[in-house]
Amino acid sequence: MALKVAVLGGGNGGHAAAADLTNRGFCVHMYEDARFAGNLQKVFETHEITMAGAAGNAVVKIDMVTSDLKEAVEDVEFIFVAVPAFAHDVYADKLSDIVKPGQTVVVLPGTFDSLIFWKKFREKGVKDVVVAETNTLPYATRLQGPGSTLIMSLFNPLKLGVMPACKTQETLEKLRPFYPALEAVESVIACGLSSLNPIIHVPGCILNAGRIEYAKGEFFFYTEGFTPCVARTTEAIDKERIALLDSFGYASDIVAHGVGGSVVTDDIGEAIASDPNFAKIKGPADTGNRYYAEDIPYGLAPWAKLAHAMGVGVPVIDSMITIGSALLGYDCWKKGHSLQDLGIEGMTKERLKEYLETGC
């Protein structure tokens, strides 16, 4: 009997994960909130997703497509959460009432938000449930239409942080059948600080904001928009991210080594230019896109809040968040998740590392 898993979310990541895992022989329960189920009408009616690209070309039949969350996670061992960051607290709250001992919740990606799930589960008295997060979606992917997904590439390596970290090795071994490229890092904080999107999306979005608004989507983000000055700004942000990782004693690597180009280089501009998949990606059509609305308040801002608490200076990241707030018309410092939301406010570095290791 095929191993059952739940995939929560009906966007780019949810479609790709549901299709890929089904195509590789897993029994997938795909869930989408009833408020957004209309976007998946074709998938609800047919249970079919057409997939193309790096993970294979096929029309797959999803075992279950539902708007009943309890039904979706019933009798599954692994729950993959592939929803936008602004919905993580909602899903954490919903899952806290129905998860069962022995289940593993994996946030794709997390950017520290596995801590929100862990905090909520502890508040509800949930026992023996592991929460993990990846540093990015496993796939570079785009929806091509109703029930149709293009997977342009697979991220390798795909980093994994586990809460509590003392469960890392056993969780890694359990999850590798789904994603063989997984590599464990020291904690969910180390994993969140390895996230690609805040680094490679935000500088280009802020420095190309006028062009993006003018082009309304007809703008190739990684070719037209990733000029030398954007690359330099990206690398400056990356240095600050690495300084924060170093302050914890965690292993670090420059972002250029993680974007998956055809050549290994220390230059982020060259790394992106060497990957033909980046050339296919058009930029946001406006500042409401997730490159802005998710990656600034829910990506860079939590990094900066943690850095401030740990006494690490991140002036370039701070400037991106402040300018981003002006562009978006709301305070990105306040909109994203706080250290209190993550359950780590007021912790010293030593206490935080202990909490990450033990979960308590």
Protein backbone atom coordinates (compact mmCIF):
# COMPACT_ATOMS: atom_id res chain seq x y z
CA MET A 1 0.00 0.00 0.00
CA ALA A 2 1.31 3.44 -0.96
CA LEU A 3 2.41 5.72 1.85
CA LYS A 4 -0.20 8.43 2.54
CA VAL A 5 0.80 12.08 2.80
CA ALA A 6 -1.15 15.33 2.98
CA VAL A 7 -0.29 18.38 0.88
CA LEU A 8 -1.92 21.53 2.22
CA GLY A 9 -2.29 24.40 -0.25
CA GLY A 10 -3.45 24.81 -3.81
CA GLY A 11 -0.95 27.31 -5.18
CA ASN A 12 2.28 26.85 -7.11
CA GLY A 13 3.97 24.78 -4.41
CA GLY A 14 0.92 22.73 -3.53
CA HIS A 15 0.25 21.74 -7.14
CA ALA A 16 3.88 20.81 -7.73
CA ALA A 17 4.18 18.77 -4.55
CA ALA A 18 0.86 16.96 -5.03
CA ALA A 19 1.67 16.10 -8.65
CA ASP A 20 5.29 15.11 -8.08
CA LEU A 21 4.63 12.95 -5.02
CA THR A 22 1.68 11.25 -6.73
CA ASN A 23 3.78 10.60 -9.82
CA ARG A 24 6.41 8.95 -7.62
CA GLY A 25 3.93 6.53 -6.12
CA PHE A 26 2.75 8.21 -2.91
CA CYS A 27 -0.92 8.47 -1.99
CA VAL A 28 -1.61 12.22 -1.74
CA HIS A 29 -4.42 13.97 0.11
CA MET A 30 -4.52 17.50 -1.35
CA TYR A 31 -6.26 20.18 0.71
CA GLU A 32 -7.36 23.70 -0.13
CA ASP A 33 -9.36 26.03 2.09
CA ALA A 34 -13.00 26.27 1.00
CA ARG A 35 -12.62 30.03 0.47
CA PHE A 36 -10.12 29.41 -2.32
CA ALA A 37 -11.41 26.08 -3.62
CA GLY A 38 -12.87 27.79 -6.67
CA ASN A 39 -9.34 28.29 -7.96
CA LEU A 40 -8.98 24.49 -8.01
CA GLN A 41 -12.38 23.66 -9.48
CA LYS A 42 -10.90 21.57 -12.28
CA VAL A 43 -8.73 19.60 -9.85
CA PHE A 44 -11.67 19.06 -7.48
CA GLU A 45 -13.79 17.78 -10.37
CA THR A 46 -11.22 15.55 -12.07
CA HIS A 47 -8.60 14.88 -9.34
CA GLU A 48 -6.09 15.37 -12.16
CA ILE A 49 -3.01 17.56 -12.42
CA THR A 50 -0.95 17.85 -15.58
CA MET A 51 2.73 18.18 -14.76
CA ALA A 52 5.64 19.02 -17.03
CA GLY A 53 9.31 19.78 -16.67
CA ALA A 54 12.16 18.67 -14.44
CA ALA A 55 10.11 16.21 -12.34
CA GLY A 56 8.60 14.47 -15.36
CA ASN A 57 5.75 14.86 -17.80
CA ALA A 58 2.50 13.17 -16.83
CA VAL A 59 -1.16 13.53 -16.03
CA VAL A 60 -1.53 12.27 -12.47
CA LYS A 61 -4.60 11.28 -10.51
CA ILE A 62 -4.63 12.72 -6.99
CA ASP A 63 -6.11 10.26 -4.51
CA MET A 64 -8.02 12.86 -2.48
CA VAL A 65 -8.84 16.53 -3.12
CA THR A 66 -10.74 18.09 -0.26
CA SER A 67 -11.61 21.22 1.71
CA ASP A 68 -11.99 19.19 4.90
CA LEU A 69 -8.70 19.57 6.76
CA LYS A 70 -9.43 16.80 9.25
CA GLU A 71 -10.16 14.41 6.39
CA ALA A 72 -6.96 15.47 4.61
CA VAL A 73 -4.64 14.71 7.53
CA GLU A 74 -6.44 11.64 8.84
CA ASP A 75 -4.22 8.55 8.83
CA VAL A 76 -1.22 10.26 7.21
CA GLU A 77 2.21 10.35 8.77
CA PHE A 78 3.53 13.40 6.92
CA ILE A 79 1.78 16.74 6.44
CA PHE A 80 3.42 19.12 3.93
CA VAL A 81 2.28 22.72 4.37
CA ALA A 82 2.76 24.68 1.13
CA VAL A 83 0.88 27.92 1.78
CA PRO A 84 2.00 31.58 1.92
CA ALA A 85 3.72 32.72 5.10
CA PHE A 86 0.84 35.01 6.08
CA ALA A 87 -1.34 31.89 6.43
CA HIS A 88 1.06 29.89 8.60
CA ASP A 89 -0.45 31.02 11.89
CA VAL A 90 -3.94 30.11 10.64
CA TYR A 91 -2.82 26.63 9.62
CA ALA A 92 -0.91 26.19 12.88
CA ASP A 93 -4.07 26.99 14.81
CA LYS A 94 -6.24 24.64 12.74
CA LEU A 95 -3.76 21.76 12.83
CA SER A 96 -3.23 22.08 16.58
CA ASP A 97 -6.74 20.71 17.12
CA ILE A 98 -6.39 17.68 14.86
CA VAL A 99 -2.77 16.50 14.60
CA LYS A 100 -2.02 13.18 16.23
CA PRO A 101 1.04 11.69 17.93
CA GLY A 102 3.55 10.34 15.43
CA GLN A 103 2.75 12.83 12.68
CA THR A 104 5.37 15.13 11.16
CA VAL A 105 4.47 18.60 9.88
CA VAL A 106 6.83 20.05 7.24
CA VAL A 107 6.55 23.72 6.28
CA LEU A 108 7.62 24.31 2.65
CA PRO A 109 9.38 26.71 3.20
CA GLY A 110 9.34 27.96 6.77
CA THR A 111 11.60 31.01 7.27
CA PHE A 112 11.33 30.41 11.05
CA ASP A 113 7.58 29.73 10.90
CA SER A 114 7.92 26.13 12.06
CA LEU A 115 8.32 27.86 15.43
CA ILE A 116 4.77 29.20 15.12
CA PHE A 117 3.45 25.66 14.64
CA TRP A 118 5.58 24.40 17.55
CA LYS A 119 4.38 27.20 19.85
CA LYS A 120 0.74 26.61 18.99
CA PHE A 121 1.06 22.83 19.40
CA ARG A 122 2.63 23.28 22.84
CA GLU A 123 -0.15 25.67 23.88
CA LYS A 124 -2.75 23.07 22.88
CA GLY A 125 -0.91 20.26 24.67
CA VAL A 126 0.00 18.40 21.47
CA LYS A 127 2.53 15.65 22.17
CA ASP A 128 4.91 13.60 20.00
CA VAL A 129 4.52 15.66 16.84
CA VAL A 130 7.65 16.85 15.03
CA VAL A 131 7.68 20.12 13.07
CA ALA A 132 10.22 20.75 10.32
CA GLU A 133 10.85 23.36 7.68
CA THR A 134 12.80 23.64 4.44
CA ASN A 135 14.75 26.67 3.28
CA THR A 136 12.81 26.93 0.03
CA LEU A 137 10.13 25.15 -1.93
CA PRO A 138 11.55 21.90 -3.31
CA TYR A 139 10.61 23.16 -6.78
CA ALA A 140 11.08 26.20 -8.97
CA THR A 141 7.55 26.05 -10.31
CA ARG A 142 4.70 27.99 -11.88
CA LEU A 143 1.07 27.19 -12.54
CA GLN A 144 0.38 27.15 -16.28
CA GLY A 145 -3.39 27.09 -15.96
CA PRO A 146 -6.13 25.24 -14.07
CA GLY A 147 -4.68 21.92 -12.91
CA SER A 148 -1.43 22.40 -14.83
CA THR A 149 2.01 22.85 -13.28
CA LEU A 150 5.43 23.46 -14.80
CA ILE A 151 8.34 22.38 -12.60
CA MET A 152 11.35 24.18 -14.01
CA SER A 153 13.92 22.72 -11.63
CA LEU A 154 14.38 20.88 -8.35
CA PHE A 155 16.41 22.49 -5.58
CA ASN A 156 19.49 20.52 -4.65
CA PRO A 157 20.47 20.72 -1.89
CA LEU A 158 17.21 21.32 -0.04
CA LYS A 159 17.97 22.26 3.55
CA LEU A 160 15.96 20.93 6.48
CA GLY A 161 15.60 22.22 10.02
CA VAL A 162 13.75 20.21 12.67
CA MET A 163 11.96 21.26 15.83
CA PRO A 164 13.18 19.99 18.19
CA ALA A 165 16.67 19.66 16.73
CA CYS A 166 17.32 16.54 18.79
CA LYS A 167 14.96 14.77 16.35
CA THR A 168 16.86 15.92 13.26
CA GLN A 169 18.55 12.73 12.11
CA GLU A 170 15.55 10.45 12.46
CA THR A 171 13.31 13.02 10.77
CA LEU A 172 15.77 13.46 7.90
CA GLU A 173 15.80 9.71 7.28
CA LYS A 174 12.00 9.59 7.25
CA LEU A 175 11.69 12.50 4.80
CA ARG A 176 14.42 11.54 2.33
CA PRO A 177 12.16 9.15 0.37
CA PHE A 178 10.10 12.22 -0.54
CA TYR A 179 12.99 14.59 -1.18
CA PRO A 180 16.38 12.86 -1.60
CA ALA A 181 18.16 16.24 -1.86
CA LEU A 182 17.43 17.06 1.79
CA GLU A 183 20.39 18.08 3.93
CA ALA A 184 20.01 18.71 7.65
CA VAL A 185 21.13 21.94 9.28
CA GLU A 186 21.61 22.69 12.96
CA SER A 187 18.16 24.08 13.75
CA VAL A 188 15.07 25.69 12.28
CA ILE A 189 16.76 29.08 12.80
CA ALA A 190 19.71 27.90 10.71
CA CYS A 191 17.27 26.68 8.08
CA GLY A 192 15.26 29.91 8.06
CA LEU A 193 18.47 31.89 7.61
CA SER A 194 19.25 29.72 4.56
CA SER A 195 16.06 30.79 2.78
CA LEU A 196 16.70 31.89 -0.78
CA ASN A 197 13.67 34.03 -1.55
CA PRO A 198 14.28 37.05 0.72
CA ILE A 199 17.82 37.37 -0.64
CA ILE A 200 17.22 36.98 -4.36
CA HIS A 201 13.75 38.57 -4.58
CA VAL A 202 13.76 41.66 -2.39
CA PRO A 203 16.73 43.69 -3.74
CA GLY A 204 15.58 43.25 -7.32
CA CYS A 205 12.01 44.14 -6.43
CA ILE A 206 12.90 47.31 -4.56
CA LEU A 207 15.55 48.54 -6.99
CA ASN A 208 13.33 47.77 -10.01
CA ALA A 209 10.02 48.94 -8.51
CA GLY A 210 9.34 51.60 -11.15
CA ARG A 211 10.13 49.22 -14.00
CA ILE A 212 7.94 46.54 -12.46
CA GLU A 213 4.95 48.85 -12.11
CA TYR A 214 5.41 50.14 -15.65
CA ALA A 215 5.83 46.69 -17.24
CA LYS A 216 2.86 45.11 -15.43
CA GLY A 217 4.36 41.63 -15.63
CA GLU A 218 6.16 41.90 -18.97
CA PHE A 219 9.56 42.05 -17.32
CA PHE A 220 12.14 39.27 -17.04
CA PHE A 221 13.19 39.62 -13.44
CA TYR A 222 16.47 37.70 -13.48
CA THR A 223 17.79 38.99 -16.82
CA GLU A 224 16.54 42.56 -17.21
CA GLY A 225 16.37 43.21 -13.49
CA PHE A 226 19.43 41.46 -12.10
CA THR A 227 22.04 44.02 -13.09
CA PRO A 228 25.44 44.46 -11.39
CA CYS A 229 24.15 46.98 -8.83
CA VAL A 230 21.29 44.65 -7.89
CA ALA A 231 23.77 41.77 -7.57
CA ARG A 232 26.01 43.89 -5.31
CA THR A 233 23.06 44.75 -3.07
CA THR A 234 22.06 41.10 -2.95
CA GLU A 235 25.57 40.14 -1.87
CA ALA A 236 25.55 42.85 0.82
CA ILE A 237 22.34 41.37 2.26
CA ASP A 238 23.89 37.93 2.06
CA LYS A 239 26.91 39.04 4.10
CA GLU A 240 24.61 40.26 6.86
CA ARG A 241 22.68 36.99 6.81
CA ILE A 242 25.95 35.07 7.12
CA ALA A 243 27.05 37.28 10.03
CA LEU A 244 23.87 36.31 11.88
CA LEU A 245 24.47 32.62 11.17
CA ASP A 246 28.06 33.01 12.35
CA SER A 247 26.90 34.61 15.60
CA PHE A 248 25.09 31.36 16.42
CA GLY A 249 28.07 29.23 15.41
CA TYR A 250 26.06 27.73 12.54
CA ALA A 251 27.59 26.67 9.24
CA SER A 252 27.11 29.18 6.45
CA ASP A 253 27.56 29.45 2.71
CA ILE A 254 27.02 32.28 0.26
CA VAL A 255 23.73 32.36 -1.59
CA ALA A 256 25.47 32.06 -4.98
CA HIS A 257 26.23 28.42 -4.12
CA GLY A 258 22.56 27.63 -3.55
CA VAL A 259 20.75 29.00 -6.57
CA GLY A 260 21.56 26.00 -8.77
CA GLY A 261 23.23 27.42 -11.83
CA SER A 262 25.20 25.37 -14.33
CA VAL A 263 28.51 26.65 -12.95
CA VAL A 264 29.84 26.96 -9.42
CA THR A 265 30.68 30.59 -8.72
CA ASP A 266 30.95 33.04 -5.85
CA ASP A 267 29.20 35.72 -7.94
CA ILE A 268 25.40 35.78 -7.51
CA GLY A 269 24.88 37.51 -10.85
CA GLU A 270 26.93 34.87 -12.67
CA ALA A 271 25.17 32.06 -10.76
CA ILE A 272 21.75 33.27 -11.86
CA ALA A 273 22.89 33.99 -15.42
CA SER A 274 24.26 30.44 -15.73
CA ASP A 275 20.90 28.84 -14.99
CA PRO A 276 18.61 28.90 -18.05
CA ASN A 277 15.53 28.45 -15.86
CA PHE A 278 15.94 31.91 -14.35
CA ALA A 279 15.78 33.47 -17.79
CA LYS A 280 12.23 32.16 -18.19
CA ILE A 281 10.85 33.81 -15.07
CA LYS A 282 8.94 37.04 -15.48
CA GLY A 283 8.85 39.49 -12.63
CA PRO A 284 5.95 40.62 -10.47
CA ALA A 285 3.18 42.60 -12.14
CA ASP A 286 2.82 44.92 -9.15
CA THR A 287 3.86 45.41 -5.54
CA GLY A 288 1.09 43.11 -4.33
CA ASN A 289 3.09 40.12 -5.56
CA ARG A 290 4.52 37.71 -2.99
CA TYR A 291 8.06 38.83 -3.91
CA TYR A 292 7.11 42.04 -2.09
CA ALA A 293 4.20 41.19 0.19
CA GLU A 294 5.67 37.95 1.56
CA ASP A 295 9.44 38.21 1.22
CA ILE A 296 9.81 41.59 2.91
CA PRO A 297 7.54 41.39 6.01
CA TYR A 298 7.68 37.61 6.44
CA GLY A 299 11.19 37.03 5.06
CA LEU A 300 13.69 39.79 5.70
CA ALA A 301 11.86 41.37 8.67
CA PRO A 302 12.06 38.29 10.95
CA TRP A 303 15.79 38.04 10.16
CA ALA A 304 16.27 41.66 11.17
CA LYS A 305 14.20 41.26 14.35
CA LEU A 306 16.29 38.27 15.37
CA ALA A 307 19.51 40.11 14.50
CA HIS A 308 18.53 43.10 16.65
CA ALA A 309 17.72 40.79 19.58
CA MET A 310 21.09 39.05 19.20
CA GLY A 311 23.07 42.28 18.83
CA VAL A 312 24.05 41.74 15.19
CA GLY A 313 24.02 44.76 12.88
CA VAL A 314 22.11 44.38 9.60
CA PRO A 315 21.88 47.91 8.15
CA VAL A 316 21.30 46.89 4.52
CA ILE A 317 18.51 44.49 5.48
CA ASP A 318 17.01 47.18 7.73
CA SER A 319 17.03 49.62 4.80
CA MET A 320 15.29 47.14 2.49
CA ILE A 321 12.48 46.69 5.02
CA THR A 322 12.08 50.42 5.61
CA ILE A 323 12.04 51.30 1.90
CA GLY A 324 9.79 48.31 1.25
CA SER A 325 7.33 49.70 3.78
CA ALA A 326 7.23 53.00 1.88
CA LEU A 327 6.70 51.19 -1.44
CA LEU A 328 3.95 48.95 -0.12
CA GLY A 329 2.17 51.58 1.93
CA TYR A 330 2.22 49.66 5.21
CA ASP A 331 4.72 48.93 7.96
CA CYS A 332 6.55 45.72 7.05
CA TRP A 333 8.14 45.69 10.51
CA LYS A 334 4.72 45.28 12.10
CA LYS A 335 2.94 43.20 9.45
CA GLY A 336 5.22 40.16 9.56
CA HIS A 337 5.68 37.73 12.41
CA SER A 338 7.24 39.01 15.62
CA LEU A 339 9.63 37.15 17.91
CA GLN A 340 6.67 36.84 20.26
CA ASP A 341 4.67 35.11 17.51
CA LEU A 342 7.59 32.71 17.11
CA GLY A 343 7.68 32.05 20.85
CA ILE A 344 11.28 33.25 21.30
CA GLU A 345 10.91 36.85 22.48
CA GLY A 346 13.28 37.80 25.29
CA MET A 347 15.46 34.71 24.99
CA THR A 348 19.20 35.01 25.23
CA LYS A 349 21.20 33.31 22.51
CA GLU A 350 22.11 30.48 24.87
CA ARG A 351 18.48 29.99 25.97
CA LEU A 352 17.29 30.13 22.36
CA LYS A 353 19.76 27.45 21.25
CA GLU A 354 18.64 25.24 24.12
CA TYR A 355 14.98 25.73 23.16
CA LEU A 356 15.71 24.89 19.54
CA GLU A 357 17.51 21.72 20.57
CA THR A 358 15.03 20.38 23.13
CA GLY A 359 11.76 22.06 22.22
CA CYS A 360 11.19 23.30 25.75
